[in-house]
Amino acid sequence: SATRYATEREAFGKAIGEHQAIKLKLAQMAIGVHASRLLTHDAARRI
């Protein structure tokens, strides 16, 4: 939802996803999602 909105919403003449502050937030979110998924699948495989 955040990524979609960042490509559609404009501020100061460009999509907010082009602003560094938003890029950093999206990157941290993506890292967390990917790491969480890998941790979950690893535990599931062990069981």
All heavy atoms as atom14 arrays in JSON, in Angstrom:
{
  "sequence": "SATRYATEREAFGKAIGEHQAIKLKLAQMAIGVHASRLLTHDAARRI",
  "atom14_mask": [
    [1, 1, 1, 1, 1, 1, 0, 0, 0, 0, 0, 0, 0, 0],
    [1, 1, 1, 1, 1, 0, 0, 0, 0, 0, 0, 0, 0, 0],
    [1, 1, 1, 1, 1, 1, 1, 0, 0, 0, 0, 0, 0, 0],
    [1, 1, 1, 1, 1, 1, 1, 1, 1, 1, 1, 0, 0, 0],
    [1, 1, 1, 1, 1, 1, 1, 1, 1, 1, 1, 1, 0, 0],
    [1, 1, 1, 1, 1, 0, 0, 0, 0, 0, 0, 0, 0, 0],
    [1, 1, 1, 1, 1, 1, 1, 0, 0, 0, 0, 0, 0, 0],
    [1, 1, 1, 1, 1, 1, 1, 1, 1, 0, 0, 0, 0, 0],
    [1, 1, 1, 1, 1, 1, 1, 1, 1, 1, 1, 0, 0, 0],
    [1, 1, 1, 1, 1, 1, 1, 1, 1, 0, 0, 0, 0, 0],
    [1, 1, 1, 1, 1, 0, 0, 0, 0, 0, 0, 0, 0, 0],
    [1, 1, 1, 1, 1, 1, 1, 1, 1, 1, 1, 0, 0, 0],
    [1, 1, 1, 1, 0, 0, 0, 0, 0, 0, 0, 0, 0, 0],
    [1, 1, 1, 1, 1, 1, 1, 1, 1, 0, 0, 0, 0, 0],
    [1, 1, 1, 1, 1, 0, 0, 0, 0, 0, 0, 0, 0, 0],
    [1, 1, 1, 1, 1, 1, 1, 1, 0, 0, 0, 0, 0, 0],
    [1, 1, 1, 1, 0, 0, 0, 0, 0, 0, 0, 0, 0, 0],
    [1, 1, 1, 1, 1, 1, 1, 1, 1, 0, 0, 0, 0, 0],
    [1, 1, 1, 1, 1, 1, 1, 1, 1, 1, 0, 0, 0, 0],
    [1, 1, 1, 1, 1, 1, 1, 1, 1, 0, 0, 0, 0, 0],
    [1, 1, 1, 1, 1, 0, 0, 0, 0, 0, 0, 0, 0, 0],
    [1, 1, 1, 1, 1, 1, 1, 1, 0, 0, 0, 0, 0, 0],
    [1, 1, 1, 1, 1, 1, 1, 1, 1, 0, 0, 0, 0, 0],
    [1, 1, 1, 1, 1, 1, 1, 1, 0, 0, 0, 0, 0, 0],
    [1, 1, 1, 1, 1, 1, 1, 1, 1, 0, 0, 0, 0, 0],
    [1, 1, 1, 1, 1, 1, 1, 1, 0, 0, 0, 0, 0, 0],
    [1, 1, 1, 1, 1, 0, 0, 0, 0, 0, 0, 0, 0, 0],
    [1, 1, 1, 1, 1, 1, 1, 1, 1, 0, 0, 0, 0, 0],
    [1, 1, 1, 1, 1, 1, 1, 1, 0, 0, 0, 0, 0, 0],
    [1, 1, 1, 1, 1, 0, 0, 0, 0, 0, 0, 0, 0, 0],
    [1, 1, 1, 1, 1, 1, 1, 1, 0, 0, 0, 0, 0, 0],
    [1, 1, 1, 1, 0, 0, 0, 0, 0, 0, 0, 0, 0, 0],
    [1, 1, 1, 1, 1, 1, 1, 0, 0, 0, 0, 0, 0, 0],
    [1, 1, 1, 1, 1, 1, 1, 1, 1, 1, 0, 0, 0, 0],
    [1, 1, 1, 1, 1, 0, 0, 0, 0, 0, 0, 0, 0, 0],
    [1, 1, 1, 1, 1, 1, 0, 0, 0, 0, 0, 0, 0, 0],
    [1, 1, 1, 1, 1, 1, 1, 1, 1, 1, 1, 0, 0, 0],
    [1, 1, 1, 1, 1, 1, 1, 1, 0, 0, 0, 0, 0, 0],
    [1, 1, 1, 1, 1, 1, 1, 1, 0, 0, 0, 0, 0, 0],
    [1, 1, 1, 1, 1, 1, 1, 0, 0, 0, 0, 0, 0, 0],
    [1, 1, 1, 1, 1, 1, 1, 1, 1, 1, 0, 0, 0, 0],
    [1, 1, 1, 1, 1, 1, 1, 1, 0, 0, 0, 0, 0, 0],
    [1, 1, 1, 1, 1, 0, 0, 0, 0, 0, 0, 0, 0, 0],
    [1, 1, 1, 1, 1, 0, 0, 0, 0, 0, 0, 0, 0, 0],
    [1, 1, 1, 1, 1, 1, 1, 1, 1, 1, 1, 0, 0, 0],
    [1, 1, 1, 1, 1, 1, 1, 1, 1, 1, 1, 0, 0, 0],
    [1, 1, 1, 1, 1, 1, 1, 1, 0, 0, 0, 0, 0, 0]
  ],
  "atom14_positions": [
    [[0.83, -1.2, 0.0], [0.0, 0.0, 0.0], [0.87, 1.26, 0.0], [0.58, 2.23, -0.72], [-0.92, 0.0, 1.23], [-1.9, -1.0, 1.14], [0.0, 0.0, 0.0], [0.0, 0.0, 0.0], [0.0, 0.0, 0.0], [0.0, 0.0, 0.0], [0.0, 0.0, 0.0], [0.0, 0.0, 0.0], [0.0, 0.0, 0.0], [0.0, 0.0, 0.0]],
    [[1.92, 1.25, 0.8], [2.8, 2.42, 0.88], [3.54, 2.65, -0.43], [3.68, 3.79, -0.88], [3.79, 2.23, 2.02], [0.0, 0.0, 0.0], [0.0, 0.0, 0.0], [0.0, 0.0, 0.0], [0.0, 0.0, 0.0], [0.0, 0.0, 0.0], [0.0, 0.0, 0.0], [0.0, 0.0, 0.0], [0.0, 0.0, 0.0], [0.0, 0.0, 0.0]],
    [[3.98, 1.57, -1.05], [4.72, 1.71, -2.31], [3.81, 2.22, -3.42], [4.2, 3.1, -4.21], [5.34, 0.35, -2.71], [6.16, -0.13, -1.64], [6.19, 0.49, -3.96], [0.0, 0.0, 0.0], [0.0, 0.0, 0.0], [0.0, 0.0, 0.0], [0.0, 0.0, 0.0], [0.0, 0.0, 0.0], [0.0, 0.0, 0.0], [0.0, 0.0, 0.0]],
    [[2.61, 1.69, -3.48], [1.66, 2.15, -4.5], [1.36, 3.63, -4.32], [1.37, 4.41, -5.28], [0.37, 1.34, -4.43], [-0.67, 1.76, -5.49], [-1.97, 0.99, -5.36], [-1.76, -0.44, -5.54], [-1.86, -1.34, -4.56], [-2.18, -0.94, -3.33], [-1.67, -2.61, -4.81], [0.0, 0.0, 0.0], [0.0, 0.0, 0.0], [0.0, 0.0, 0.0]],
    [[1.1, 4.02, -3.09], [0.8, 5.43, -2.82], [1.99, 6.32, -3.16], [1.82, 7.42, -3.7], [0.41, 5.6, -1.35], [-0.04, 6.98, -0.99], [-1.35, 7.4, -1.25], [0.83, 7.88, -0.38], [-1.77, 8.68, -0.91], [0.42, 9.17, -0.03], [-0.88, 9.55, -0.3], [-1.29, 10.81, 0.03], [0.0, 0.0, 0.0], [0.0, 0.0, 0.0]],
    [[3.2, 5.82, -2.88], [4.4, 6.62, -3.14], [4.63, 6.87, -4.62], [5.3, 7.84, -4.99], [5.63, 5.95, -2.53], [0.0, 0.0, 0.0], [0.0, 0.0, 0.0], [0.0, 0.0, 0.0], [0.0, 0.0, 0.0], [0.0, 0.0, 0.0], [0.0, 0.0, 0.0], [0.0, 0.0, 0.0], [0.0, 0.0, 0.0], [0.0, 0.0, 0.0]],
    [[4.08, 6.0, -5.46], [4.21, 6.22, -6.91], [3.12, 7.12, -7.47], [3.27, 7.66, -8.57], [4.17, 4.88, -7.67], [2.88, 4.28, -7.5], [5.24, 3.93, -7.18], [0.0, 0.0, 0.0], [0.0, 0.0, 0.0], [0.0, 0.0, 0.0], [0.0, 0.0, 0.0], [0.0, 0.0, 0.0], [0.0, 0.0, 0.0], [0.0, 0.0, 0.0]],
    [[2.03, 7.3, -6.71], [0.88, 8.07, -7.21], [0.81, 9.48, -6.63], [0.37, 10.41, -7.29], [-0.41, 7.32, -6.89], [-0.51, 5.95, -7.56], [-1.67, 5.12, -7.04], [-2.3, 5.54, -6.03], [-1.96, 4.06, -7.63], [0.0, 0.0, 0.0], [0.0, 0.0, 0.0], [0.0, 0.0, 0.0], [0.0, 0.0, 0.0], [0.0, 0.0, 0.0]],
    [[1.21, 9.64, -5.4], [1.08, 10.91, -4.72], [2.25, 11.81, -5.07], [3.42, 11.39, -5.01], [1.04, 10.67, -3.2], [1.09, 11.91, -2.34], [-0.18, 12.73, -2.43], [-0.21, 13.73, -1.37], [-1.11, 14.7, -1.31], [-2.05, 14.8, -2.24], [-1.08, 15.57, -0.31], [0.0, 0.0, 0.0], [0.0, 0.0, 0.0], [0.0, 0.0, 0.0]],
    [[1.97, 13.06, -5.44], [3.03, 14.0, -5.78], [3.15, 15.08, -4.73], [2.16, 15.51, -4.13], [2.75, 14.64, -7.15], [2.89, 13.66, -8.31], [2.85, 14.36, -9.65], [2.67, 15.6, -9.68], [3.01, 13.67, -10.67], [0.0, 0.0, 0.0], [0.0, 0.0, 0.0], [0.0, 0.0, 0.0], [0.0, 0.0, 0.0], [0.0, 0.0, 0.0]],
    [[4.37, 15.5, -4.51], [4.67, 16.63, -3.61], [5.93, 17.32, -4.1], [6.9, 16.65, -4.47], [4.85, 16.14, -2.17], [0.0, 0.0, 0.0], [0.0, 0.0, 0.0], [0.0, 0.0, 0.0], [0.0, 0.0, 0.0], [0.0, 0.0, 0.0], [0.0, 0.0, 0.0], [0.0, 0.0, 0.0], [0.0, 0.0, 0.0], [0.0, 0.0, 0.0]],
    [[5.89, 18.64, -4.13], [7.03, 19.43, -4.6], [7.44, 19.04, -6.01], [8.62, 18.93, -6.35], [8.21, 19.3, -3.63], [7.87, 19.66, -2.22], [7.68, 18.67, -1.27], [7.7, 20.99, -1.84], [7.36, 18.99, 0.03], [7.37, 21.32, -0.55], [7.19, 20.33, 0.41], [0.0, 0.0, 0.0], [0.0, 0.0, 0.0], [0.0, 0.0, 0.0]],
    [[6.44, 18.75, -6.84], [6.67, 18.56, -8.26], [7.06, 17.15, -8.69], [7.36, 16.94, -9.86], [0.0, 0.0, 0.0], [0.0, 0.0, 0.0], [0.0, 0.0, 0.0], [0.0, 0.0, 0.0], [0.0, 0.0, 0.0], [0.0, 0.0, 0.0], [0.0, 0.0, 0.0], [0.0, 0.0, 0.0], [0.0, 0.0, 0.0], [0.0, 0.0, 0.0]],
    [[7.05, 16.18, -7.78], [7.36, 14.82, -8.18], [6.73, 13.83, -7.22], [6.29, 14.19, -6.13], [8.88, 14.61, -8.23], [9.62, 14.88, -6.93], [11.13, 14.73, -7.12], [11.89, 15.09, -5.85], [13.36, 14.96, -6.04], [0.0, 0.0, 0.0], [0.0, 0.0, 0.0], [0.0, 0.0, 0.0], [0.0, 0.0, 0.0], [0.0, 0.0, 0.0]],
    [[6.67, 12.57, -7.67], [6.08, 11.52, -6.82], [6.85, 11.45, -5.51], [8.09, 11.56, -5.49], [6.13, 10.18, -7.54], [0.0, 0.0, 0.0], [0.0, 0.0, 0.0], [0.0, 0.0, 0.0], [0.0, 0.0, 0.0], [0.0, 0.0, 0.0], [0.0, 0.0, 0.0], [0.0, 0.0, 0.0], [0.0, 0.0, 0.0], [0.0, 0.0, 0.0]],
    [[6.13, 11.26, -4.4], [6.82, 11.27, -3.1], [7.82, 10.13, -2.99], [8.77, 10.21, -2.19], [5.82, 11.23, -1.93], [5.02, 9.92, -1.93], [4.89, 12.44, -1.97], [4.2, 9.73, -0.67], [0.0, 0.0, 0.0], [0.0, 0.0, 0.0], [0.0, 0.0, 0.0], [0.0, 0.0, 0.0], [0.0, 0.0, 0.0], [0.0, 0.0, 0.0]],
    [[7.64, 9.07, -3.78], [8.6, 7.98, -3.77], [9.96, 8.37, -4.3], [10.93, 7.62, -4.12], [0.0, 0.0, 0.0], [0.0, 0.0, 0.0], [0.0, 0.0, 0.0], [0.0, 0.0, 0.0], [0.0, 0.0, 0.0], [0.0, 0.0, 0.0], [0.0, 0.0, 0.0], [0.0, 0.0, 0.0], [0.0, 0.0, 0.0], [0.0, 0.0, 0.0]],
    [[10.05, 9.53, -4.94], [11.34, 10.01, -5.43], [12.1, 10.78, -4.37], [13.27, 11.11, -4.55], [11.13, 10.9, -6.67], [10.55, 10.16, -7.87], [11.4, 8.98, -8.27], [12.64, 9.14, -8.38], [10.84, 7.88, -8.46], [0.0, 0.0, 0.0], [0.0, 0.0, 0.0], [0.0, 0.0, 0.0], [0.0, 0.0, 0.0], [0.0, 0.0, 0.0]],
    [[11.45, 11.07, -3.25], [12.12, 11.77, -2.17], [12.89, 10.77, -1.3], [12.41, 9.68, -0.99], [11.11, 12.54, -1.31], [10.44, 13.66, -2.03], [11.07, 14.85, -2.31], [9.19, 13.76, -2.54], [10.24, 15.65, -2.95], [9.08, 15.01, -3.11], [0.0, 0.0, 0.0], [0.0, 0.0, 0.0], [0.0, 0.0, 0.0], [0.0, 0.0, 0.0]],
    [[14.08, 11.17, -0.89], [14.96, 10.26, -0.18], [14.33, 9.75, 1.12], [14.47, 8.57, 1.48], [16.29, 10.95, 0.13], [17.33, 10.02, 0.74], [18.66, 10.73, 0.99], [18.69, 11.76, 1.67], [19.73, 10.2, 0.44], [0.0, 0.0, 0.0], [0.0, 0.0, 0.0], [0.0, 0.0, 0.0], [0.0, 0.0, 0.0], [0.0, 0.0, 0.0]],
    [[13.61, 10.61, 1.83], [13.02, 10.21, 3.11], [12.05, 9.04, 2.92], [12.02, 8.12, 3.75], [12.3, 11.4, 3.75], [0.0, 0.0, 0.0], [0.0, 0.0, 0.0], [0.0, 0.0, 0.0], [0.0, 0.0, 0.0], [0.0, 0.0, 0.0], [0.0, 0.0, 0.0], [0.0, 0.0, 0.0], [0.0, 0.0, 0.0], [0.0, 0.0, 0.0]],
    [[11.27, 9.06, 1.85], [10.31, 7.99, 1.59], [11.05, 6.73, 1.12], [10.69, 5.61, 1.51], [9.28, 8.44, 0.55], [8.53, 9.67, 1.04], [8.3, 7.3, 0.24], [7.77, 9.47, 2.32], [0.0, 0.0, 0.0], [0.0, 0.0, 0.0], [0.0, 0.0, 0.0], [0.0, 0.0, 0.0], [0.0, 0.0, 0.0], [0.0, 0.0, 0.0]],
    [[12.07, 6.92, 0.3], [12.84, 5.75, -0.17], [13.44, 4.98, 1.0], [13.43, 3.74, 1.02], [13.95, 6.21, -1.11], [13.49, 6.63, -2.49], [14.68, 7.0, -3.37], [14.24, 7.34, -4.78], [15.41, 7.69, -5.64], [0.0, 0.0, 0.0], [0.0, 0.0, 0.0], [0.0, 0.0, 0.0], [0.0, 0.0, 0.0], [0.0, 0.0, 0.0]],
    [[13.95, 5.7, 1.98], [14.57, 5.03, 3.13], [13.52, 4.24, 3.92], [13.79, 3.13, 4.39], [15.25, 6.06, 4.03], [16.47, 6.77, 3.42], [16.99, 7.84, 4.37], [17.57, 5.76, 3.1], [0.0, 0.0, 0.0], [0.0, 0.0, 0.0], [0.0, 0.0, 0.0], [0.0, 0.0, 0.0], [0.0, 0.0, 0.0], [0.0, 0.0, 0.0]],
    [[12.35, 4.8, 4.08], [11.28, 4.08, 4.78], [10.9, 2.81, 4.02], [10.76, 1.73, 4.62], [10.06, 4.98, 4.94], [10.21, 6.1, 5.96], [8.92, 6.91, 6.07], [9.04, 8.05, 7.07], [9.2, 7.58, 8.46], [0.0, 0.0, 0.0], [0.0, 0.0, 0.0], [0.0, 0.0, 0.0], [0.0, 0.0, 0.0], [0.0, 0.0, 0.0]],
    [[10.71, 2.92, 2.72], [10.32, 1.76, 1.92], [11.4, 0.68, 1.97], [11.09, -0.52, 2.05], [10.05, 2.18, 0.48], [8.83, 3.09, 0.26], [8.77, 3.53, -1.2], [7.54, 2.38, 0.64], [0.0, 0.0, 0.0], [0.0, 0.0, 0.0], [0.0, 0.0, 0.0], [0.0, 0.0, 0.0], [0.0, 0.0, 0.0], [0.0, 0.0, 0.0]],
    [[12.65, 1.1, 1.91], [13.75, 0.12, 1.94], [13.76, -0.65, 3.25], [13.9, -1.88, 3.27], [15.09, 0.83, 1.72], [0.0, 0.0, 0.0], [0.0, 0.0, 0.0], [0.0, 0.0, 0.0], [0.0, 0.0, 0.0], [0.0, 0.0, 0.0], [0.0, 0.0, 0.0], [0.0, 0.0, 0.0], [0.0, 0.0, 0.0], [0.0, 0.0, 0.0]],
    [[13.61, 0.06, 4.36], [13.6, -0.61, 5.66], [12.42, -1.55, 5.79], [12.53, -2.64, 6.36], [13.59, 0.43, 6.78], [14.92, 1.14, 6.99], [16.03, 0.17, 7.36], [15.87, -0.69, 8.23], [17.17, 0.29, 6.69], [0.0, 0.0, 0.0], [0.0, 0.0, 0.0], [0.0, 0.0, 0.0], [0.0, 0.0, 0.0], [0.0, 0.0, 0.0]],
    [[11.27, -1.16, 5.28], [10.1, -2.03, 5.31], [10.36, -3.3, 4.5], [10.05, -4.41, 4.94], [8.87, -1.29, 4.77], [8.39, -0.15, 5.66], [7.17, 0.91, 4.84], [5.75, -0.19, 4.78], [0.0, 0.0, 0.0], [0.0, 0.0, 0.0], [0.0, 0.0, 0.0], [0.0, 0.0, 0.0], [0.0, 0.0, 0.0], [0.0, 0.0, 0.0]],
    [[10.93, -3.13, 3.31], [11.2, -4.29, 2.45], [12.19, -5.25, 3.1], [12.02, -6.47, 3.01], [11.73, -3.81, 1.09], [0.0, 0.0, 0.0], [0.0, 0.0, 0.0], [0.0, 0.0, 0.0], [0.0, 0.0, 0.0], [0.0, 0.0, 0.0], [0.0, 0.0, 0.0], [0.0, 0.0, 0.0], [0.0, 0.0, 0.0], [0.0, 0.0, 0.0]],
    [[13.2, -4.71, 3.74], [14.18, -5.56, 4.45], [13.48, -6.36, 5.54], [13.7, -7.57, 5.7], [15.31, -4.7, 5.04], [16.17, -4.1, 3.92], [16.18, -5.53, 5.99], [17.12, -3.01, 4.4], [0.0, 0.0, 0.0], [0.0, 0.0, 0.0], [0.0, 0.0, 0.0], [0.0, 0.0, 0.0], [0.0, 0.0, 0.0], [0.0, 0.0, 0.0]],
    [[12.64, -5.7, 6.31], [11.93, -6.38, 7.38], [11.01, -7.47, 6.89], [10.94, -8.57, 7.47], [0.0, 0.0, 0.0], [0.0, 0.0, 0.0], [0.0, 0.0, 0.0], [0.0, 0.0, 0.0], [0.0, 0.0, 0.0], [0.0, 0.0, 0.0], [0.0, 0.0, 0.0], [0.0, 0.0, 0.0], [0.0, 0.0, 0.0], [0.0, 0.0, 0.0]],
    [[10.28, -7.2, 5.81], [9.36, -8.2, 5.25], [10.14, -9.42, 4.77], [9.77, -10.57, 5.07], [8.53, -7.6, 4.1], [7.77, -8.69, 3.35], [7.56, -6.56, 4.63], [0.0, 0.0, 0.0], [0.0, 0.0, 0.0], [0.0, 0.0, 0.0], [0.0, 0.0, 0.0], [0.0, 0.0, 0.0], [0.0, 0.0, 0.0], [0.0, 0.0, 0.0]],
    [[11.2, -9.19, 4.03], [11.96, -10.31, 3.47], [12.61, -11.13, 4.58], [12.55, -12.37, 4.56], [13.0, -9.77, 2.51], [13.64, -10.84, 1.67], [12.93, -11.67, 0.82], [14.94, -11.22, 1.54], [13.75, -12.51, 0.22], [14.98, -12.26, 0.64], [0.0, 0.0, 0.0], [0.0, 0.0, 0.0], [0.0, 0.0, 0.0], [0.0, 0.0, 0.0]],
    [[13.21, -10.47, 5.55], [13.84, -11.2, 6.65], [12.81, -11.98, 7.46], [13.07, -13.13, 7.87], [14.59, -10.22, 7.56], [0.0, 0.0, 0.0], [0.0, 0.0, 0.0], [0.0, 0.0, 0.0], [0.0, 0.0, 0.0], [0.0, 0.0, 0.0], [0.0, 0.0, 0.0], [0.0, 0.0, 0.0], [0.0, 0.0, 0.0], [0.0, 0.0, 0.0]],
    [[11.65, -11.4, 7.68], [10.6, -12.09, 8.42], [10.15, -13.34, 7.7], [9.94, -14.4, 8.31], [9.4, -11.16, 8.63], [9.74, -10.04, 9.42], [0.0, 0.0, 0.0], [0.0, 0.0, 0.0], [0.0, 0.0, 0.0], [0.0, 0.0, 0.0], [0.0, 0.0, 0.0], [0.0, 0.0, 0.0], [0.0, 0.0, 0.0], [0.0, 0.0, 0.0]],
    [[9.99, -13.23, 6.39], [9.55, -14.38, 5.6], [10.59, -15.5, 5.65], [10.25, -16.68, 5.81], [9.29, -13.94, 4.16], [8.73, -15.05, 3.27], [8.48, -14.56, 1.86], [7.37, -13.62, 1.8], [7.47, -12.35, 1.37], [8.65, -11.87, 0.97], [6.4, -11.59, 1.33], [0.0, 0.0, 0.0], [0.0, 0.0, 0.0], [0.0, 0.0, 0.0]],
    [[11.85, -15.15, 5.53], [12.9, -16.16, 5.56], [12.99, -16.84, 6.92], [13.16, -18.06, 7.01], [14.25, -15.52, 5.19], [14.38, -15.03, 3.75], [15.73, -14.34, 3.55], [14.22, -16.17, 2.75], [0.0, 0.0, 0.0], [0.0, 0.0, 0.0], [0.0, 0.0, 0.0], [0.0, 0.0, 0.0], [0.0, 0.0, 0.0], [0.0, 0.0, 0.0]],
    [[12.89, -16.07, 7.99], [12.89, -16.65, 9.34], [11.72, -17.61, 9.52], [11.86, -18.7, 10.09], [12.81, -15.54, 10.39], [14.1, -14.82, 10.76], [13.79, -13.57, 11.59], [15.03, -15.74, 11.54], [0.0, 0.0, 0.0], [0.0, 0.0, 0.0], [0.0, 0.0, 0.0], [0.0, 0.0, 0.0], [0.0, 0.0, 0.0], [0.0, 0.0, 0.0]],
    [[10.56, -17.22, 9.02], [9.36, -18.05, 9.16], [9.51, -19.35, 8.39], [9.22, -20.44, 8.9], [8.13, -17.27, 8.68], [8.01, -16.06, 9.44], [6.87, -18.1, 8.83], [0.0, 0.0, 0.0], [0.0, 0.0, 0.0], [0.0, 0.0, 0.0], [0.0, 0.0, 0.0], [0.0, 0.0, 0.0], [0.0, 0.0, 0.0], [0.0, 0.0, 0.0]],
    [[9.96, -19.26, 7.16], [10.1, -20.46, 6.34], [11.19, -21.38, 6.88], [11.08, -22.61, 6.82], [10.4, -20.08, 4.89], [9.24, -19.43, 4.2], [9.29, -18.98, 2.9], [7.98, -19.15, 4.64], [8.12, -18.45, 2.57], [7.32, -18.54, 3.61], [0.0, 0.0, 0.0], [0.0, 0.0, 0.0], [0.0, 0.0, 0.0], [0.0, 0.0, 0.0]],
    [[12.27, -20.79, 7.42], [13.32, -21.6, 8.01], [12.81, -22.39, 9.21], [13.07, -23.6, 9.33], [14.49, -20.71, 8.44], [15.56, -21.48, 9.19], [16.25, -22.31, 8.55], [15.71, -21.27, 10.41], [0.0, 0.0, 0.0], [0.0, 0.0, 0.0], [0.0, 0.0, 0.0], [0.0, 0.0, 0.0], [0.0, 0.0, 0.0], [0.0, 0.0, 0.0]],
    [[12.07, -21.73, 10.09], [11.52, -22.44, 11.25], [10.53, -23.52, 10.81], [10.53, -24.63, 11.36], [10.83, -21.45, 12.19], [0.0, 0.0, 0.0], [0.0, 0.0, 0.0], [0.0, 0.0, 0.0], [0.0, 0.0, 0.0], [0.0, 0.0, 0.0], [0.0, 0.0, 0.0], [0.0, 0.0, 0.0], [0.0, 0.0, 0.0], [0.0, 0.0, 0.0]],
    [[9.72, -23.21, 9.8], [8.76, -24.19, 9.3], [9.47, -25.42, 8.74], [9.06, -26.56, 8.97], [7.87, -23.55, 8.24], [0.0, 0.0, 0.0], [0.0, 0.0, 0.0], [0.0, 0.0, 0.0], [0.0, 0.0, 0.0], [0.0, 0.0, 0.0], [0.0, 0.0, 0.0], [0.0, 0.0, 0.0], [0.0, 0.0, 0.0], [0.0, 0.0, 0.0]],
    [[10.54, -25.21, 7.99], [11.28, -26.34, 7.42], [11.9, -27.21, 8.51], [11.94, -28.44, 8.4], [12.35, -25.83, 6.46], [11.8, -25.26, 5.17], [12.9, -25.0, 4.14], [12.32, -24.52, 2.89], [12.2, -23.23, 2.56], [12.67, -22.3, 3.4], [11.66, -22.86, 1.42], [0.0, 0.0, 0.0], [0.0, 0.0, 0.0], [0.0, 0.0, 0.0]],
    [[12.4, -26.58, 9.55], [12.99, -27.34, 10.66], [11.94, -28.25, 11.3], [12.21, -29.42, 11.58], [13.58, -26.39, 11.7], [14.85, -25.68, 11.25], [15.25, -24.6, 12.26], [16.42, -23.87, 11.82], [17.68, -24.16, 12.14], [17.92, -25.2, 12.93], [18.68, -23.44, 11.7], [0.0, 0.0, 0.0], [0.0, 0.0, 0.0], [0.0, 0.0, 0.0]],
    [[10.75, -27.71, 11.53], [9.69, -28.51, 12.12], [9.25, -29.61, 11.16], [9.01, -30.76, 11.58], [8.5, -27.61, 12.51], [8.94, -26.61, 13.6], [7.33, -28.45, 13.01], [7.9, -25.55, 13.92], [0.0, 0.0, 0.0], [0.0, 0.0, 0.0], [0.0, 0.0, 0.0], [0.0, 0.0, 0.0], [0.0, 0.0, 0.0], [0.0, 0.0, 0.0]]
  ]
}
